[in-house]
Amino acid sequence: MNNDDITANRGVAIYWDFENLHAGVVDAKYGEGAYAKQENRYKPQEPLVDVQALVELAASFGPVAINRAYGNWQYFGRYRDSLLQSAVELIQLFPPGASAKNGADIKLCLDATEDIGRFWHIGTVVIIGGDSDFMPVSQKIKAAGRMLVGIGNRRSTNKHWAKSCHEFRYYDTLVESAPTEPQRQLAAKELASAPVDPAAEMLRRAIRLLGESRGEAWVHKANVWPMVKRLDPTFDLKEHGYGSFGEMLKAMDALVEVKKGDADHLLRLR
């Protein structure tokens, strides 16, 4: 059974060990051990994690059914807008002792195990975090016939955990190819003030993400429109002057190359 068989027409569950990811990004920016220092850890945190890039990656595997992030949210309020925009459910965990560990990895593993037992429609599980503590749950997820995708910081991710996934993506590499938040804001301003076609930009994002998730430039036409709707559920063809998705593709000939496949047309960005 390959990954396409596992995920066909099934949903995605995302589980974030949010502080683990954020700590790795802080250390990468300010030096090893920067986050662990008390004067840095127990204060409002700078929003460094690209939440949208991670949700978009997860959406390339299917419709997101569960999107849950675990952490002590009293210090992460500056992530409010990006978390809300990406429809992330926040699970508050207060550290029970002096060690300040909030037990996110334990709660995350328990929830993921319970969810794959309850929800047959979950085909892909995405775990964001680099701890070796996730190795036992990886065995449960794979034994249940679900695809497991891990995401973590390159320097702080346990190599055995990474190897235990069907696929593992390093956050560092992922955000190198994704637009930064300032770039997104600039693009939004350009769309508002210049004759840039927002439909073309949405199509470009959908094809790029599908291609990256499968490691090839050509993607099936049938997968592109569902990907567009996962990226933006409010996207309406009629609002952009198109009667159908096929009509939009014809108008985007300068952007998208089309060829016949065995069972479906294939698309790639020019």
Protein backbone atom coordinates (compact mmCIF):
# COMPACT_ATOMS: atom_id res chain seq x y z
CA MET A 1 0.00 0.00 0.00
CA ASN A 2 1.50 3.37 -0.99
CA ASN A 3 0.87 6.79 0.53
CA ASP A 4 -1.74 7.72 -2.08
CA ASP A 5 -3.75 4.61 -1.15
CA ILE A 6 -3.62 5.55 2.54
CA THR A 7 -4.70 9.17 2.09
CA ALA A 8 -7.19 8.94 -0.79
CA ASN A 9 -10.29 11.02 -0.01
CA ARG A 10 -9.43 11.08 3.70
CA GLY A 11 -8.78 13.84 6.19
CA VAL A 12 -5.71 15.18 7.96
CA ALA A 13 -5.18 15.54 11.70
CA ILE A 14 -2.51 18.06 12.82
CA TYR A 15 -1.04 17.97 16.32
CA TRP A 16 1.39 20.72 17.36
CA ASP A 17 3.86 20.54 20.23
CA PHE A 18 3.94 24.29 19.84
CA GLU A 19 6.52 25.28 22.43
CA ASN A 20 8.91 22.62 21.14
CA LEU A 21 8.77 24.07 17.62
CA HIS A 22 8.94 27.69 18.81
CA ALA A 23 11.93 26.94 21.06
CA GLY A 24 13.84 25.45 18.14
CA VAL A 25 13.13 28.50 15.98
CA VAL A 26 14.29 30.83 18.79
CA ASP A 27 17.52 28.84 19.22
CA ALA A 28 18.15 28.89 15.47
CA LYS A 29 17.79 32.68 15.43
CA TYR A 30 19.52 33.66 18.68
CA GLY A 31 21.87 30.77 19.43
CA GLU A 32 21.72 27.34 21.07
CA GLY A 33 19.98 27.44 24.48
CA ALA A 34 18.58 30.95 24.02
CA TYR A 35 14.98 29.91 24.66
CA ALA A 36 15.75 27.89 27.81
CA LYS A 37 17.07 30.94 29.66
CA GLN A 38 14.54 32.02 32.29
CA GLU A 39 14.62 35.67 31.24
CA ASN A 40 13.70 34.65 27.70
CA ARG A 41 11.22 31.83 28.33
CA TYR A 42 8.86 33.44 30.84
CA LYS A 43 7.78 36.46 28.83
CA PRO A 44 5.54 37.18 25.81
CA GLN A 45 7.16 35.44 22.85
CA GLU A 46 8.03 36.91 19.49
CA PRO A 47 5.88 35.24 16.78
CA LEU A 48 8.63 33.48 14.81
CA VAL A 49 6.88 30.28 13.64
CA ASP A 50 5.30 30.45 10.18
CA VAL A 51 1.95 28.89 11.11
CA GLN A 52 0.39 29.34 7.67
CA ALA A 53 3.21 27.52 5.87
CA LEU A 54 2.76 24.46 8.10
CA VAL A 55 -1.02 24.37 7.75
CA GLU A 56 -0.71 24.70 3.97
CA LEU A 57 1.72 21.78 3.89
CA ALA A 58 -0.71 19.65 5.91
CA ALA A 59 -3.58 20.66 3.62
CA SER A 60 -1.66 19.32 0.62
CA PHE A 61 -2.29 15.81 2.02
CA GLY A 62 -6.07 16.27 2.30
CA PRO A 63 -8.81 18.29 4.01
CA VAL A 64 -7.82 19.27 7.56
CA ALA A 65 -10.23 17.65 10.03
CA ILE A 66 -8.31 18.22 13.29
CA ASN A 67 -5.89 21.09 13.93
CA ARG A 68 -4.84 21.10 17.59
CA ALA A 69 -1.91 22.89 19.24
CA TYR A 70 -0.72 22.17 22.78
CA GLY A 71 1.12 24.60 25.04
CA ASN A 72 1.03 27.15 27.83
CA TRP A 73 -0.62 29.93 25.84
CA GLN A 74 -0.11 32.74 28.35
CA TYR A 75 3.24 33.46 26.66
CA PHE A 76 2.19 33.01 23.02
CA GLY A 77 -0.52 35.66 22.63
CA ARG A 78 1.35 37.37 19.79
CA TYR A 79 0.56 34.36 17.62
CA ARG A 80 -3.16 35.11 18.00
CA ASP A 81 -3.88 36.34 14.47
CA SER A 82 -1.95 33.63 12.61
CA LEU A 83 -3.45 30.87 14.78
CA LEU A 84 -7.00 32.16 14.34
CA GLN A 85 -6.53 32.63 10.59
CA SER A 86 -5.37 29.02 10.30
CA ALA A 87 -8.23 27.69 12.49
CA VAL A 88 -5.94 26.14 15.09
CA GLU A 89 -7.64 24.81 18.24
CA LEU A 90 -5.57 25.76 21.30
CA ILE A 91 -5.17 23.25 24.14
CA GLN A 92 -4.00 24.99 27.33
CA LEU A 93 -1.54 23.07 29.47
CA PHE A 94 -0.21 24.56 32.71
CA PRO A 95 3.13 23.19 33.94
CA PRO A 96 2.41 21.16 37.10
CA GLY A 97 5.84 21.45 38.73
CA ALA A 98 9.09 23.35 39.02
CA SER A 99 10.51 21.80 35.86
CA ALA A 100 8.07 23.95 33.82
CA LYS A 101 7.40 21.02 31.44
CA ASN A 102 3.79 21.29 30.33
CA GLY A 103 3.36 17.66 29.27
CA ALA A 104 2.34 18.63 25.74
CA ASP A 105 3.97 15.57 24.19
CA ILE A 106 2.08 13.17 26.51
CA LYS A 107 -1.32 14.82 25.97
CA LEU A 108 -0.67 15.04 22.23
CA CYS A 109 0.16 11.33 21.98
CA LEU A 110 -2.91 10.32 23.99
CA ASP A 111 -5.21 12.46 21.83
CA ALA A 112 -3.71 11.24 18.55
CA THR A 113 -4.09 7.60 19.60
CA GLU A 114 -7.68 8.16 20.69
CA ASP A 115 -8.59 10.08 17.54
CA ILE A 116 -7.34 7.46 15.08
CA GLY A 117 -9.43 4.90 16.97
CA ARG A 118 -12.57 7.04 16.84
CA PHE A 119 -12.40 8.67 13.40
CA TRP A 120 -12.13 6.37 10.39
CA HIS A 121 -11.88 9.34 8.00
CA ILE A 122 -8.44 10.41 9.27
CA GLY A 123 -5.95 9.18 6.67
CA THR A 124 -2.91 11.32 7.53
CA VAL A 125 -1.55 12.36 10.92
CA VAL A 126 0.84 15.33 11.04
CA ILE A 127 2.86 15.71 14.26
CA ILE A 128 4.79 18.95 14.63
CA GLY A 129 7.63 18.54 17.10
CA GLY A 130 11.01 16.87 17.33
CA ASP A 131 10.95 14.82 20.56
CA SER A 132 11.86 11.15 20.73
CA ASP A 133 8.76 10.84 22.98
CA PHE A 134 6.69 10.64 19.80
CA MET A 135 8.23 7.34 18.69
CA PRO A 136 5.72 5.07 20.50
CA VAL A 137 2.72 6.88 19.01
CA SER A 138 4.29 6.61 15.55
CA GLN A 139 4.03 2.83 15.83
CA LYS A 140 0.35 3.06 16.81
CA ILE A 141 -0.44 5.40 13.91
CA LYS A 142 1.29 3.21 11.32
CA ALA A 143 -0.23 0.02 12.74
CA ALA A 144 -3.66 1.62 12.28
CA GLY A 145 -2.92 2.05 8.57
CA ARG A 146 -2.59 5.83 8.66
CA MET A 147 0.11 7.90 7.02
CA LEU A 148 2.41 9.73 9.48
CA VAL A 149 4.11 13.00 8.57
CA GLY A 150 6.52 14.60 11.05
CA ILE A 151 7.77 18.20 11.08
CA GLY A 152 10.55 19.54 13.29
CA ASN A 153 13.58 21.79 13.53
CA ARG A 154 16.67 20.29 11.94
CA ARG A 155 19.05 20.90 14.86
CA SER A 156 16.74 19.77 17.66
CA THR A 157 14.82 16.88 16.10
CA ASN A 158 15.59 13.39 17.33
CA LYS A 159 16.83 11.41 14.32
CA HIS A 160 15.11 8.19 15.44
CA TRP A 161 11.74 9.95 15.63
CA ALA A 162 12.27 11.42 12.17
CA LYS A 163 13.10 7.96 10.76
CA SER A 164 9.96 6.47 12.33
CA CYS A 165 7.65 8.60 10.12
CA HIS A 166 6.46 7.80 6.61
CA GLU A 167 7.65 11.30 5.70
CA PHE A 168 9.54 13.90 7.71
CA ARG A 169 9.93 17.55 6.75
CA TYR A 170 12.40 19.88 8.38
CA TYR A 171 10.82 23.19 9.31
CA ASP A 172 13.97 25.07 8.29
CA THR A 173 13.78 23.77 4.71
CA LEU A 174 10.02 24.22 4.52
CA VAL A 175 10.05 27.92 5.36
CA GLU A 176 12.96 28.62 3.02
CA SER A 177 10.63 27.98 0.07
CA ALA A 178 7.51 29.54 1.62
CA PRO A 179 6.77 33.28 1.45
CA THR A 180 7.55 35.10 4.70
CA GLU A 181 4.83 36.99 6.56
CA PRO A 182 6.16 40.40 5.36
CA GLN A 183 6.15 39.04 1.81
CA ARG A 184 2.55 37.88 2.23
CA GLN A 185 1.54 41.29 3.55
CA LEU A 186 3.29 42.99 0.63
CA ALA A 187 1.54 40.65 -1.82
CA ALA A 188 -1.81 41.46 -0.21
CA LYS A 189 -1.14 45.19 -0.65
CA GLU A 190 -0.14 44.64 -4.28
CA LEU A 191 -3.33 42.68 -4.92
CA ALA A 192 -5.34 45.54 -3.47
CA SER A 193 -3.58 48.29 -5.43
CA ALA A 194 -2.37 46.69 -8.67
CA PRO A 195 -4.00 44.64 -11.43
CA VAL A 196 -2.60 41.33 -10.12
CA ASP A 197 -4.99 38.43 -10.54
CA PRO A 198 -5.69 36.87 -7.09
CA ALA A 199 -7.12 33.79 -8.80
CA ALA A 200 -3.79 33.23 -10.56
CA GLU A 201 -1.91 33.55 -7.27
CA MET A 202 -4.24 31.04 -5.61
CA LEU A 203 -3.78 28.58 -8.48
CA ARG A 204 -0.01 29.00 -8.29
CA ARG A 205 0.00 28.26 -4.53
CA ALA A 206 -2.20 25.18 -4.93
CA ILE A 207 -0.07 23.61 -7.68
CA ARG A 208 3.20 24.45 -5.92
CA LEU A 209 2.09 22.88 -2.65
CA LEU A 210 0.74 19.74 -4.32
CA GLY A 211 3.94 19.35 -6.30
CA GLU A 212 6.15 19.81 -3.24
CA SER A 213 4.13 17.33 -1.17
CA ARG A 214 4.55 14.65 -3.85
CA GLY A 215 8.07 15.51 -4.95
CA GLU A 216 7.19 16.09 -8.59
CA ALA A 217 6.24 19.06 -10.76
CA TRP A 218 3.25 17.47 -12.52
CA VAL A 219 0.05 17.17 -10.44
CA HIS A 220 -3.36 15.69 -11.22
CA LYS A 221 -5.94 18.23 -12.31
CA ALA A 222 -8.57 16.55 -10.10
CA ASN A 223 -6.50 17.38 -7.00
CA VAL A 224 -5.99 21.07 -7.71
CA TRP A 225 -9.48 22.48 -7.17
CA PRO A 226 -9.93 20.70 -3.79
CA MET A 227 -6.53 22.10 -2.80
CA VAL A 228 -7.63 25.62 -3.72
CA LYS A 229 -10.70 25.24 -1.48
CA ARG A 230 -8.57 23.90 1.38
CA LEU A 231 -6.30 26.93 1.12
CA ASP A 232 -9.24 29.33 1.01
CA PRO A 233 -12.76 27.98 1.64
CA THR A 234 -14.20 31.37 0.60
CA PHE A 235 -12.69 31.23 -2.90
CA ASP A 236 -15.54 31.55 -5.42
CA LEU A 237 -14.93 31.11 -9.16
CA LYS A 238 -17.84 33.38 -10.07
CA GLU A 239 -16.39 36.25 -8.05
CA HIS A 240 -13.31 36.04 -10.28
CA GLY A 241 -15.30 35.88 -13.50
CA TYR A 242 -15.13 32.14 -14.22
CA GLY A 243 -18.02 29.76 -14.76
CA SER A 244 -15.96 26.64 -13.99
CA PHE A 245 -12.52 25.53 -12.88
CA GLY A 246 -11.78 24.35 -16.43
CA GLU A 247 -12.57 27.82 -17.72
CA MET A 248 -10.18 29.34 -15.19
CA LEU A 249 -7.40 26.94 -16.26
CA LYS A 250 -7.84 27.91 -19.92
CA ALA A 251 -7.50 31.56 -18.97
CA MET A 252 -4.29 30.75 -17.05
CA ASP A 253 -2.49 29.23 -20.05
CA ALA A 254 0.51 31.53 -19.53
CA LEU A 255 0.84 30.28 -15.94
CA VAL A 256 -0.05 26.58 -16.18
CA GLU A 257 1.02 23.87 -18.61
CA VAL A 258 -1.47 21.04 -19.23
CA LYS A 259 -0.92 17.56 -20.67
CA LYS A 260 -2.91 14.35 -20.86
CA GLY A 261 -2.23 11.67 -18.27
CA ASP A 262 -3.32 8.04 -18.10
CA ALA A 263 -6.62 8.79 -16.35
CA ASP A 264 -6.60 12.55 -15.82
CA HIS A 265 -5.01 15.71 -17.14
CA LEU A 266 -1.74 16.75 -15.48
CA LEU A 267 -0.76 20.32 -14.62
CA ARG A 268 2.47 22.08 -13.75
CA LEU A 269 3.61 25.67 -13.39
CA ARG A 270 5.44 27.10 -16.38
